[in-house]
Amino acid sequence: MRGTDLLPVDRVATLHGEVAGLVRFDFGKQLGTRHATTIRIPADAARSAAMPESAAPSRAWLATGALLGLLTVAGAALAAHLPDRLLAPDGRASLRAAVQVIGWHAAALLVAALWMRDAGRRWIVHGACLCLLLGTVCFCVGVAVPALRGPHLGRLAPTGGTLQMAGWLLLALSTLGRPGGRRV
């Protein structure tokens, strides 16, 4: 039997471990015959194979980064194809700049989410992600709204830029180690 013959069909957690059902398909003489196998995994092995405690937050940041990537593509299309009558003078250049900032920070969130799984003190990386996200939203809204003939939003863009810088600084700090190999 090859590893490709096995397909996981269910996983059931129990008090004593996890039971995983595997199905083997035999496409020989009897097309589609199924052979079920049950594997018992000890509880301590099941716990060690489970997701790390930061997996859910890092997955949320991965999803957020991916959605910002989607917004980057949509924003680039809008910046390229919106009629000039909908844009302020030099609005297209401002809109493109906002889209570029979204794209860079989408990539940063994806990298930070992956880094979060290995970081010593994850709260610094969470803080970095939060600053990067809020800063990107504030900066890009502050730049894009006036570019689309909307009102000037005061200090929103500079506040967003400051939050982004704080996020990058926190991300850098999360890589520094303490004596003894522990990360900050």
N, C-alpha and C. Protein backbone atom coordinates (compact mmCIF):
# COMPACT_ATOMS: atom_id res chain seq x y z
N MET A 1 0.83 -1.16 0.00
CA MET A 1 0.00 0.00 0.00
C MET A 1 0.89 1.24 0.00
N ARG A 2 0.61 2.19 -0.88
CA ARG A 2 1.36 3.44 -0.96
C ARG A 2 0.69 4.48 -0.08
N GLY A 3 1.46 5.50 0.33
CA GLY A 3 0.92 6.58 1.14
C GLY A 3 -0.19 7.33 0.42
N THR A 4 -0.13 7.35 -0.92
CA THR A 4 -1.15 8.07 -1.68
C THR A 4 -2.46 7.32 -1.70
N ASP A 5 -2.46 6.04 -1.29
CA ASP A 5 -3.70 5.26 -1.25
C ASP A 5 -4.55 5.61 -0.04
N LEU A 6 -3.95 6.31 0.93
CA LEU A 6 -4.66 6.62 2.16
C LEU A 6 -5.22 8.04 2.11
N LEU A 7 -6.48 8.16 2.42
CA LEU A 7 -7.12 9.47 2.46
C LEU A 7 -7.73 9.67 3.84
N PRO A 8 -7.39 10.77 4.56
CA PRO A 8 -8.02 10.99 5.86
C PRO A 8 -9.49 11.34 5.66
N VAL A 9 -10.35 10.66 6.42
CA VAL A 9 -11.77 10.95 6.29
C VAL A 9 -12.35 11.58 7.53
N ASP A 10 -11.74 11.36 8.69
CA ASP A 10 -12.24 12.02 9.89
C ASP A 10 -11.21 11.95 10.99
N ARG A 11 -11.35 12.86 11.94
CA ARG A 11 -10.49 12.86 13.12
C ARG A 11 -11.40 13.13 14.30
N VAL A 12 -11.31 12.30 15.30
CA VAL A 12 -12.14 12.44 16.48
C VAL A 12 -11.23 12.51 17.70
N ALA A 13 -11.30 13.61 18.43
CA ALA A 13 -10.50 13.74 19.65
C ALA A 13 -11.22 13.02 20.78
N THR A 14 -10.48 12.28 21.58
CA THR A 14 -11.04 11.60 22.74
C THR A 14 -10.24 11.98 23.96
N LEU A 15 -10.67 11.51 25.14
CA LEU A 15 -9.93 11.78 26.37
C LEU A 15 -8.54 11.18 26.33
N HIS A 16 -8.39 10.07 25.66
CA HIS A 16 -7.13 9.34 25.67
C HIS A 16 -6.31 9.56 24.41
N GLY A 17 -6.73 10.41 23.54
CA GLY A 17 -5.96 10.66 22.34
C GLY A 17 -6.87 11.01 21.19
N GLU A 18 -6.42 10.69 20.01
CA GLU A 18 -7.16 11.02 18.81
C GLU A 18 -7.30 9.77 17.97
N VAL A 19 -8.46 9.60 17.39
CA VAL A 19 -8.68 8.47 16.49
C VAL A 19 -8.84 9.05 15.09
N ALA A 20 -8.02 8.59 14.19
CA ALA A 20 -8.09 9.07 12.82
C ALA A 20 -8.55 7.93 11.93
N GLY A 21 -9.58 8.15 11.17
CA GLY A 21 -10.05 7.13 10.24
C GLY A 21 -9.37 7.33 8.90
N LEU A 22 -8.87 6.28 8.34
CA LEU A 22 -8.24 6.34 7.03
C LEU A 22 -8.97 5.39 6.11
N VAL A 23 -9.10 5.77 4.87
CA VAL A 23 -9.77 4.92 3.90
C VAL A 23 -8.80 4.62 2.77
N ARG A 24 -8.73 3.37 2.39
CA ARG A 24 -7.88 2.97 1.28
C ARG A 24 -8.79 2.59 0.13
N PHE A 25 -8.54 3.19 -1.02
CA PHE A 25 -9.33 2.86 -2.19
C PHE A 25 -8.56 1.85 -3.04
N ASP A 26 -9.24 0.76 -3.41
CA ASP A 26 -8.64 -0.27 -4.23
C ASP A 26 -9.32 -0.21 -5.59
N PHE A 27 -8.62 0.33 -6.59
CA PHE A 27 -9.21 0.46 -7.90
C PHE A 27 -8.80 -0.69 -8.81
N GLY A 28 -8.51 -1.85 -8.21
CA GLY A 28 -8.14 -3.04 -8.96
C GLY A 28 -9.38 -3.71 -9.53
N LYS A 29 -9.57 -5.01 -9.20
CA LYS A 29 -10.68 -5.78 -9.74
C LYS A 29 -12.03 -5.22 -9.32
N GLN A 30 -12.12 -4.83 -8.06
CA GLN A 30 -13.40 -4.32 -7.57
C GLN A 30 -13.28 -2.80 -7.49
N LEU A 31 -13.73 -2.13 -8.49
CA LEU A 31 -13.60 -0.69 -8.58
C LEU A 31 -14.27 0.00 -7.39
N GLY A 32 -13.49 0.80 -6.70
CA GLY A 32 -14.05 1.60 -5.62
C GLY A 32 -14.26 0.87 -4.31
N THR A 33 -13.65 -0.29 -4.11
CA THR A 33 -13.78 -0.99 -2.84
C THR A 33 -13.04 -0.20 -1.78
N ARG A 34 -13.66 -0.03 -0.61
CA ARG A 34 -13.05 0.74 0.46
C ARG A 34 -12.62 -0.18 1.58
N HIS A 35 -11.44 0.05 2.11
CA HIS A 35 -10.92 -0.68 3.25
C HIS A 35 -10.66 0.33 4.36
N ALA A 36 -11.37 0.24 5.46
CA ALA A 36 -11.21 1.20 6.54
C ALA A 36 -10.17 0.73 7.53
N THR A 37 -9.39 1.66 8.04
CA THR A 37 -8.37 1.39 9.05
C THR A 37 -8.51 2.44 10.14
N THR A 38 -8.37 2.02 11.38
CA THR A 38 -8.41 2.97 12.49
C THR A 38 -7.06 2.98 13.16
N ILE A 39 -6.56 4.18 13.43
CA ILE A 39 -5.27 4.34 14.08
C ILE A 39 -5.51 5.07 15.40
N ARG A 40 -4.95 4.55 16.47
CA ARG A 40 -5.05 5.22 17.77
C ARG A 40 -3.73 5.91 18.07
N ILE A 41 -3.84 7.16 18.45
CA ILE A 41 -2.66 7.96 18.77
C ILE A 41 -2.71 8.28 20.25
N PRO A 42 -1.63 8.05 21.00
CA PRO A 42 -1.64 8.38 22.43
C PRO A 42 -1.93 9.86 22.65
N ALA A 43 -2.55 10.18 23.80
CA ALA A 43 -2.98 11.55 24.09
C ALA A 43 -1.82 12.54 24.04
N ASP A 44 -0.65 12.18 24.59
CA ASP A 44 0.46 13.13 24.60
C ASP A 44 0.97 13.39 23.19
N ALA A 45 0.95 12.39 22.33
CA ALA A 45 1.37 12.59 20.94
C ALA A 45 0.35 13.44 20.20
N ALA A 46 -0.93 13.25 20.49
CA ALA A 46 -1.97 14.05 19.84
C ALA A 46 -1.83 15.51 20.24
N ARG A 47 -1.53 15.76 21.53
CA ARG A 47 -1.36 17.15 21.97
C ARG A 47 -0.14 17.79 21.33
N SER A 48 0.96 17.05 21.21
CA SER A 48 2.16 17.64 20.64
C SER A 48 2.01 17.88 19.14
N ALA A 49 1.13 17.12 18.48
CA ALA A 49 0.91 17.31 17.06
C ALA A 49 -0.14 18.37 16.78
N ALA A 50 -0.83 18.83 17.83
CA ALA A 50 -1.87 19.84 17.65
C ALA A 50 -1.23 21.17 17.27
N MET A 51 -2.08 22.10 16.84
CA MET A 51 -1.59 23.42 16.46
C MET A 51 -0.96 24.11 17.66
N PRO A 52 0.10 24.87 17.43
CA PRO A 52 0.66 25.64 18.53
C PRO A 52 -0.35 26.68 19.01
N GLU A 53 -0.16 27.18 20.23
CA GLU A 53 -1.15 28.08 20.81
C GLU A 53 -1.30 29.36 20.01
N SER A 54 -0.30 29.74 19.23
CA SER A 54 -0.41 30.97 18.44
C SER A 54 -0.95 30.71 17.04
N ALA A 55 -1.32 29.48 16.72
CA ALA A 55 -1.73 29.17 15.35
C ALA A 55 -2.97 29.94 14.94
N ALA A 56 -3.97 30.03 15.82
CA ALA A 56 -5.19 30.73 15.44
C ALA A 56 -4.93 32.21 15.18
N PRO A 57 -4.23 32.93 16.08
CA PRO A 57 -3.95 34.33 15.76
C PRO A 57 -3.08 34.49 14.52
N SER A 58 -2.07 33.63 14.35
CA SER A 58 -1.23 33.77 13.17
C SER A 58 -2.01 33.46 11.90
N ARG A 59 -2.96 32.53 11.99
CA ARG A 59 -3.81 32.25 10.83
C ARG A 59 -4.70 33.45 10.53
N ALA A 60 -5.17 34.13 11.57
CA ALA A 60 -5.99 35.33 11.36
C ALA A 60 -5.16 36.42 10.66
N TRP A 61 -3.89 36.56 11.08
CA TRP A 61 -3.05 37.56 10.42
C TRP A 61 -2.70 37.14 9.00
N LEU A 62 -2.53 35.83 8.76
CA LEU A 62 -2.32 35.36 7.39
C LEU A 62 -3.52 35.70 6.52
N ALA A 63 -4.72 35.45 7.04
CA ALA A 63 -5.93 35.77 6.28
C ALA A 63 -6.04 37.28 6.04
N THR A 64 -5.70 38.07 7.04
CA THR A 64 -5.74 39.52 6.89
C THR A 64 -4.76 39.99 5.82
N GLY A 65 -3.55 39.43 5.85
CA GLY A 65 -2.56 39.78 4.83
C GLY A 65 -3.03 39.38 3.43
N ALA A 66 -3.65 38.22 3.33
CA ALA A 66 -4.16 37.77 2.03
C ALA A 66 -5.29 38.69 1.55
N LEU A 67 -6.15 39.12 2.46
CA LEU A 67 -7.23 40.03 2.07
C LEU A 67 -6.68 41.40 1.66
N LEU A 68 -5.63 41.85 2.32
CA LEU A 68 -4.98 43.09 1.87
C LEU A 68 -4.36 42.90 0.49
N GLY A 69 -3.84 41.71 0.21
CA GLY A 69 -3.34 41.42 -1.13
C GLY A 69 -4.45 41.51 -2.17
N LEU A 70 -5.62 40.97 -1.83
CA LEU A 70 -6.78 41.08 -2.71
C LEU A 70 -7.14 42.54 -2.93
N LEU A 71 -7.15 43.32 -1.86
CA LEU A 71 -7.46 44.74 -1.95
C LEU A 71 -6.42 45.47 -2.81
N THR A 72 -5.18 45.02 -2.77
CA THR A 72 -4.13 45.62 -3.59
C THR A 72 -4.44 45.45 -5.07
N VAL A 73 -4.83 44.24 -5.45
CA VAL A 73 -5.13 43.98 -6.86
C VAL A 73 -6.36 44.77 -7.29
N ALA A 74 -7.40 44.77 -6.46
CA ALA A 74 -8.62 45.53 -6.79
C ALA A 74 -8.32 47.02 -6.86
N GLY A 75 -7.53 47.52 -5.91
CA GLY A 75 -7.18 48.94 -5.91
C GLY A 75 -6.35 49.33 -7.11
N ALA A 76 -5.44 48.45 -7.52
CA ALA A 76 -4.63 48.73 -8.70
C ALA A 76 -5.50 48.81 -9.95
N ALA A 77 -6.49 47.94 -10.03
CA ALA A 77 -7.42 47.99 -11.16
C ALA A 77 -8.20 49.30 -11.16
N LEU A 78 -8.68 49.70 -9.98
CA LEU A 78 -9.40 50.97 -9.90
C LEU A 78 -8.50 52.15 -10.25
N ALA A 79 -7.29 52.15 -9.73
CA ALA A 79 -6.36 53.25 -10.01
C ALA A 79 -6.05 53.34 -11.50
N ALA A 80 -6.03 52.22 -12.17
CA ALA A 80 -5.70 52.22 -13.60
C ALA A 80 -6.90 52.57 -14.47
N HIS A 81 -8.12 52.24 -14.03
CA HIS A 81 -9.26 52.32 -14.94
C HIS A 81 -10.34 53.32 -14.55
N LEU A 82 -10.25 53.96 -13.39
CA LEU A 82 -11.27 54.95 -13.04
C LEU A 82 -11.20 56.13 -14.01
N PRO A 83 -12.35 56.65 -14.40
CA PRO A 83 -12.33 57.83 -15.28
C PRO A 83 -11.75 59.04 -14.56
N ASP A 84 -11.07 59.89 -15.30
CA ASP A 84 -10.43 61.07 -14.72
C ASP A 84 -11.42 61.99 -14.02
N ARG A 85 -12.67 62.02 -14.48
CA ARG A 85 -13.66 62.91 -13.87
C ARG A 85 -13.96 62.54 -12.42
N LEU A 86 -13.67 61.29 -12.01
CA LEU A 86 -13.90 60.86 -10.63
C LEU A 86 -12.71 61.14 -9.71
N LEU A 87 -11.60 61.58 -10.31
CA LEU A 87 -10.37 61.77 -9.54
C LEU A 87 -10.03 63.25 -9.40
N ALA A 88 -9.43 63.59 -8.29
CA ALA A 88 -8.90 64.93 -8.08
C ALA A 88 -7.67 65.10 -8.97
N PRO A 89 -7.24 66.36 -9.19
CA PRO A 89 -5.98 66.53 -9.93
C PRO A 89 -4.86 65.76 -9.22
N ASP A 90 -4.09 65.04 -9.94
CA ASP A 90 -3.04 64.16 -9.41
C ASP A 90 -3.60 63.05 -8.51
N GLY A 91 -4.90 62.82 -8.59
CA GLY A 91 -5.54 61.79 -7.77
C GLY A 91 -5.11 60.38 -8.14
N ARG A 92 -4.86 60.16 -9.43
CA ARG A 92 -4.45 58.82 -9.86
C ARG A 92 -3.11 58.44 -9.24
N ALA A 93 -2.18 59.38 -9.20
CA ALA A 93 -0.87 59.10 -8.59
C ALA A 93 -1.02 58.84 -7.09
N SER A 94 -1.88 59.61 -6.42
CA SER A 94 -2.11 59.38 -4.98
C SER A 94 -2.75 58.03 -4.74
N LEU A 95 -3.71 57.68 -5.58
CA LEU A 95 -4.38 56.39 -5.44
C LEU A 95 -3.40 55.24 -5.66
N ARG A 96 -2.54 55.39 -6.66
CA ARG A 96 -1.52 54.35 -6.91
C ARG A 96 -0.56 54.23 -5.73
N ALA A 97 -0.20 55.36 -5.12
CA ALA A 97 0.69 55.32 -3.96
C ALA A 97 0.02 54.58 -2.80
N ALA A 98 -1.27 54.85 -2.59
CA ALA A 98 -2.00 54.16 -1.51
C ALA A 98 -2.06 52.66 -1.77
N VAL A 99 -2.29 52.28 -3.02
CA VAL A 99 -2.36 50.86 -3.37
C VAL A 99 -1.00 50.20 -3.16
N GLN A 100 0.06 50.90 -3.50
CA GLN A 100 1.40 50.34 -3.30
C GLN A 100 1.68 50.12 -1.81
N VAL A 101 1.25 51.04 -0.97
CA VAL A 101 1.44 50.89 0.48
C VAL A 101 0.65 49.69 0.99
N ILE A 102 -0.56 49.51 0.48
CA ILE A 102 -1.36 48.34 0.88
C ILE A 102 -0.62 47.05 0.50
N GLY A 103 -0.07 47.01 -0.70
CA GLY A 103 0.63 45.81 -1.16
C GLY A 103 1.84 45.48 -0.31
N TRP A 104 2.65 46.49 0.01
CA TRP A 104 3.83 46.25 0.84
C TRP A 104 3.44 45.76 2.22
N HIS A 105 2.38 46.31 2.77
CA HIS A 105 2.00 45.92 4.12
C HIS A 105 1.22 44.61 4.14
N ALA A 106 0.61 44.24 3.02
CA ALA A 106 0.03 42.90 2.92
C ALA A 106 1.14 41.86 3.03
N ALA A 107 2.22 42.09 2.29
CA ALA A 107 3.36 41.17 2.35
C ALA A 107 3.97 41.15 3.76
N ALA A 108 4.05 42.31 4.39
CA ALA A 108 4.61 42.38 5.74
C ALA A 108 3.76 41.59 6.72
N LEU A 109 2.44 41.68 6.61
CA LEU A 109 1.56 40.92 7.51
C LEU A 109 1.72 39.42 7.29
N LEU A 110 1.87 39.00 6.05
CA LEU A 110 2.06 37.58 5.77
C LEU A 110 3.36 37.07 6.40
N VAL A 111 4.43 37.83 6.24
CA VAL A 111 5.72 37.44 6.83
C VAL A 111 5.64 37.45 8.35
N ALA A 112 5.02 38.49 8.91
CA ALA A 112 4.91 38.59 10.37
C ALA A 112 4.08 37.44 10.93
N ALA A 113 3.03 37.05 10.23
CA ALA A 113 2.20 35.93 10.70
C ALA A 113 3.00 34.64 10.71
N LEU A 114 3.84 34.44 9.72
CA LEU A 114 4.69 33.25 9.71
C LEU A 114 5.75 33.34 10.80
N TRP A 115 6.30 34.53 11.00
CA TRP A 115 7.30 34.72 12.05
C TRP A 115 6.70 34.50 13.42
N MET A 116 5.43 34.85 13.59
CA MET A 116 4.76 34.74 14.89
C MET A 116 4.83 33.32 15.43
N ARG A 117 4.83 32.35 14.56
CA ARG A 117 4.86 30.95 15.00
C ARG A 117 6.18 30.59 15.68
N ASP A 118 7.26 31.31 15.35
CA ASP A 118 8.57 31.02 15.92
C ASP A 118 9.03 32.05 16.94
N ALA A 119 8.36 33.17 17.03
CA ALA A 119 8.82 34.25 17.90
C ALA A 119 8.71 33.85 19.36
N GLY A 120 9.65 34.32 20.15
CA GLY A 120 9.65 34.01 21.58
C GLY A 120 8.47 34.64 22.30
N ARG A 121 8.33 35.93 22.22
CA ARG A 121 7.20 36.63 22.84
C ARG A 121 6.30 37.13 21.73
N ARG A 122 5.26 36.40 21.49
CA ARG A 122 4.40 36.66 20.35
C ARG A 122 3.63 37.97 20.46
N TRP A 123 3.46 38.49 21.68
CA TRP A 123 2.69 39.72 21.83
C TRP A 123 3.34 40.87 21.10
N ILE A 124 4.66 40.86 20.95
CA ILE A 124 5.33 41.93 20.20
C ILE A 124 4.96 41.82 18.72
N VAL A 125 4.91 40.61 18.20
CA VAL A 125 4.55 40.42 16.80
C VAL A 125 3.08 40.76 16.60
N HIS A 126 2.22 40.38 17.55
CA HIS A 126 0.80 40.78 17.47
C HIS A 126 0.69 42.30 17.43
N GLY A 127 1.43 42.97 18.30
CA GLY A 127 1.42 44.43 18.31
C GLY A 127 1.90 45.01 16.99
N ALA A 128 2.94 44.40 16.43
CA ALA A 128 3.46 44.85 15.14
C ALA A 128 2.39 44.70 14.06
N CYS A 129 1.74 43.55 14.04
CA CYS A 129 0.69 43.31 13.03
C CYS A 129 -0.45 44.31 13.18
N LEU A 130 -0.85 44.55 14.42
CA LEU A 130 -1.94 45.49 14.66
C LEU A 130 -1.55 46.89 14.21
N CYS A 131 -0.35 47.32 14.55
CA CYS A 131 0.12 48.65 14.10
C CYS A 131 0.20 48.73 12.58
N LEU A 132 0.72 47.68 11.95
CA LEU A 132 0.82 47.67 10.49
C LEU A 132 -0.56 47.75 9.84
N LEU A 133 -1.51 46.98 10.37
CA LEU A 133 -2.85 46.99 9.79
C LEU A 133 -3.55 48.33 10.00
N LEU A 134 -3.59 48.81 11.25
CA LEU A 134 -4.26 50.08 11.52
C LEU A 134 -3.58 51.23 10.80
N GLY A 135 -2.25 51.20 10.77
CA GLY A 135 -1.51 52.24 10.07
C GLY A 135 -1.80 52.24 8.58
N THR A 136 -1.89 51.06 7.99
CA THR A 136 -2.18 50.96 6.56
C THR A 136 -3.58 51.48 6.26
N VAL A 137 -4.54 51.10 7.09
CA VAL A 137 -5.92 51.57 6.87
C VAL A 137 -5.97 53.09 7.00
N CYS A 138 -5.41 53.63 8.08
CA CYS A 138 -5.45 55.08 8.29
C CYS A 138 -4.73 55.83 7.17
N PHE A 139 -3.53 55.39 6.84
CA PHE A 139 -2.75 56.07 5.81
C PHE A 139 -3.46 56.03 4.46
N CYS A 140 -3.91 54.84 4.07
CA CYS A 140 -4.48 54.69 2.74
C CYS A 140 -5.84 55.38 2.61
N VAL A 141 -6.64 55.35 3.66
CA VAL A 141 -7.91 56.09 3.63
C VAL A 141 -7.61 57.58 3.57
N GLY A 142 -6.64 58.04 4.36
CA GLY A 142 -6.27 59.45 4.36
C GLY A 142 -5.73 59.94 3.03
N VAL A 143 -5.15 59.06 2.24
CA VAL A 143 -4.62 59.43 0.93
C VAL A 143 -5.66 59.19 -0.17
N ALA A 144 -6.40 58.09 -0.10
CA ALA A 144 -7.31 57.71 -1.19
C ALA A 144 -8.58 58.56 -1.22
N VAL A 145 -9.14 58.91 -0.08
CA VAL A 145 -10.40 59.67 -0.07
C VAL A 145 -10.23 61.02 -0.77
N PRO A 146 -9.21 61.82 -0.44
CA PRO A 146 -9.04 63.07 -1.19
C PRO A 146 -8.71 62.83 -2.67
N ALA A 147 -8.02 61.73 -2.98
CA ALA A 147 -7.71 61.42 -4.38
C ALA A 147 -8.97 61.15 -5.18
N LEU A 148 -10.02 60.69 -4.49
CA LEU A 148 -11.30 60.40 -5.15
C LEU A 148 -12.28 61.57 -5.00
N ARG A 149 -11.75 62.78 -4.86
CA ARG A 149 -12.53 64.01 -4.72
C ARG A 149 -13.32 64.08 -3.42
N GLY A 150 -12.89 63.33 -2.43
CA GLY A 150 -13.52 63.39 -1.12
C GLY A 150 -12.87 64.46 -0.27
N PRO A 151 -13.35 64.61 0.96
CA PRO A 151 -12.79 65.64 1.85
C PRO A 151 -11.39 65.25 2.34
N HIS A 152 -10.63 66.27 2.68
CA HIS A 152 -9.32 66.03 3.30
C HIS A 152 -9.58 65.57 4.73
N LEU A 153 -8.94 64.52 5.16
CA LEU A 153 -9.23 63.91 6.46
C LEU A 153 -8.23 64.28 7.55
N GLY A 154 -7.70 65.47 7.46
CA GLY A 154 -6.84 65.98 8.52
C GLY A 154 -5.55 65.19 8.67
N ARG A 155 -5.27 64.76 9.88
CA ARG A 155 -4.01 64.09 10.21
C ARG A 155 -4.10 62.57 10.10
N LEU A 156 -5.10 62.05 9.40
CA LEU A 156 -5.27 60.60 9.32
C LEU A 156 -4.09 59.92 8.62
N ALA A 157 -3.65 60.47 7.49
CA ALA A 157 -2.52 59.85 6.77
C ALA A 157 -1.23 59.90 7.59
N PRO A 158 -0.86 61.03 8.19
CA PRO A 158 0.36 61.02 9.01
C PRO A 158 0.25 60.10 10.23
N THR A 159 -0.94 60.02 10.82
CA THR A 159 -1.13 59.10 11.94
C THR A 159 -0.93 57.66 11.48
N GLY A 160 -1.47 57.34 10.31
CA GLY A 160 -1.28 56.00 9.75
C GLY A 160 0.17 55.70 9.47
N GLY A 161 0.89 56.67 8.92
CA GLY A 161 2.31 56.47 8.67
C GLY A 161 3.10 56.24 9.95
N THR A 162 2.73 56.97 11.00
CA THR A 162 3.40 56.78 12.29
C THR A 162 3.12 55.39 12.85
N LEU A 163 1.87 54.93 12.73
CA LEU A 163 1.54 53.57 13.19
C LEU A 163 2.30 52.52 12.39
N GLN A 164 2.45 52.75 11.09
CA GLN A 164 3.21 51.81 10.27
C GLN A 164 4.66 51.74 10.72
N MET A 165 5.25 52.90 10.99
CA MET A 165 6.64 52.91 11.46
C MET A 165 6.76 52.17 12.80
N ALA A 166 5.78 52.37 13.67
CA ALA A 166 5.79 51.65 14.96
C ALA A 166 5.69 50.14 14.73
N GLY A 167 4.86 49.73 13.77
CA GLY A 167 4.73 48.31 13.46
C GLY A 167 6.04 47.72 12.96
N TRP A 168 6.72 48.44 12.08
CA TRP A 168 8.00 47.95 11.58
C TRP A 168 9.03 47.87 12.71
N LEU A 169 9.02 48.86 13.60
CA LEU A 169 9.94 48.85 14.73
C LEU A 169 9.66 47.66 15.65
N LEU A 170 8.39 47.41 15.95
CA LEU A 170 8.03 46.26 16.79
C LEU A 170 8.44 44.95 16.13
N LEU A 171 8.26 44.87 14.82
CA LEU A 171 8.67 43.66 14.11
C LEU A 171 10.18 43.46 14.23
N ALA A 172 10.94 44.54 14.10
CA ALA A 172 12.39 44.44 14.26
C ALA A 172 12.75 44.02 15.69
N LEU A 173 12.08 44.60 16.68
CA LEU A 173 12.36 44.26 18.08
C LEU A 173 12.04 42.80 18.38
N SER A 174 11.06 42.24 17.69
CA SER A 174 10.69 40.85 17.95
C SER A 174 11.78 39.87 17.54
N THR A 175 12.73 40.32 16.74
CA THR A 175 13.81 39.43 16.30
C THR A 175 15.02 39.46 17.21
N LEU A 176 15.07 40.45 18.11
CA LEU A 176 16.23 40.58 18.99
C LEU A 176 16.18 39.52 20.07
N GLY A 177 17.33 39.00 20.40
CA GLY A 177 17.39 37.96 21.43
C GLY A 177 17.96 38.49 22.73
N ARG A 178 17.61 37.84 23.79
CA ARG A 178 18.19 38.11 25.10
C ARG A 178 19.33 37.14 25.33
N PRO A 179 20.19 37.42 26.31
CA PRO A 179 21.20 36.43 26.66
C PRO A 179 20.53 35.11 27.04
N GLY A 180 21.09 34.03 26.62
CA GLY A 180 20.49 32.73 26.90
C GLY A 180 19.61 32.26 25.76
N GLY A 181 19.56 33.02 24.67
CA GLY A 181 18.83 32.59 23.50
C GLY A 181 17.35 32.94 23.49
N ARG A 182 16.84 33.53 24.56
CA ARG A 182 15.42 33.87 24.58
C ARG A 182 15.20 35.15 23.80
N ARG A 183 14.11 35.18 23.05
CA ARG A 183 13.79 36.37 22.27
C ARG A 183 13.00 37.34 23.11
N VAL A 184 13.09 38.61 22.72
CA VAL A 184 12.35 39.66 23.42
C VAL A 184 10.87 39.52 23.11
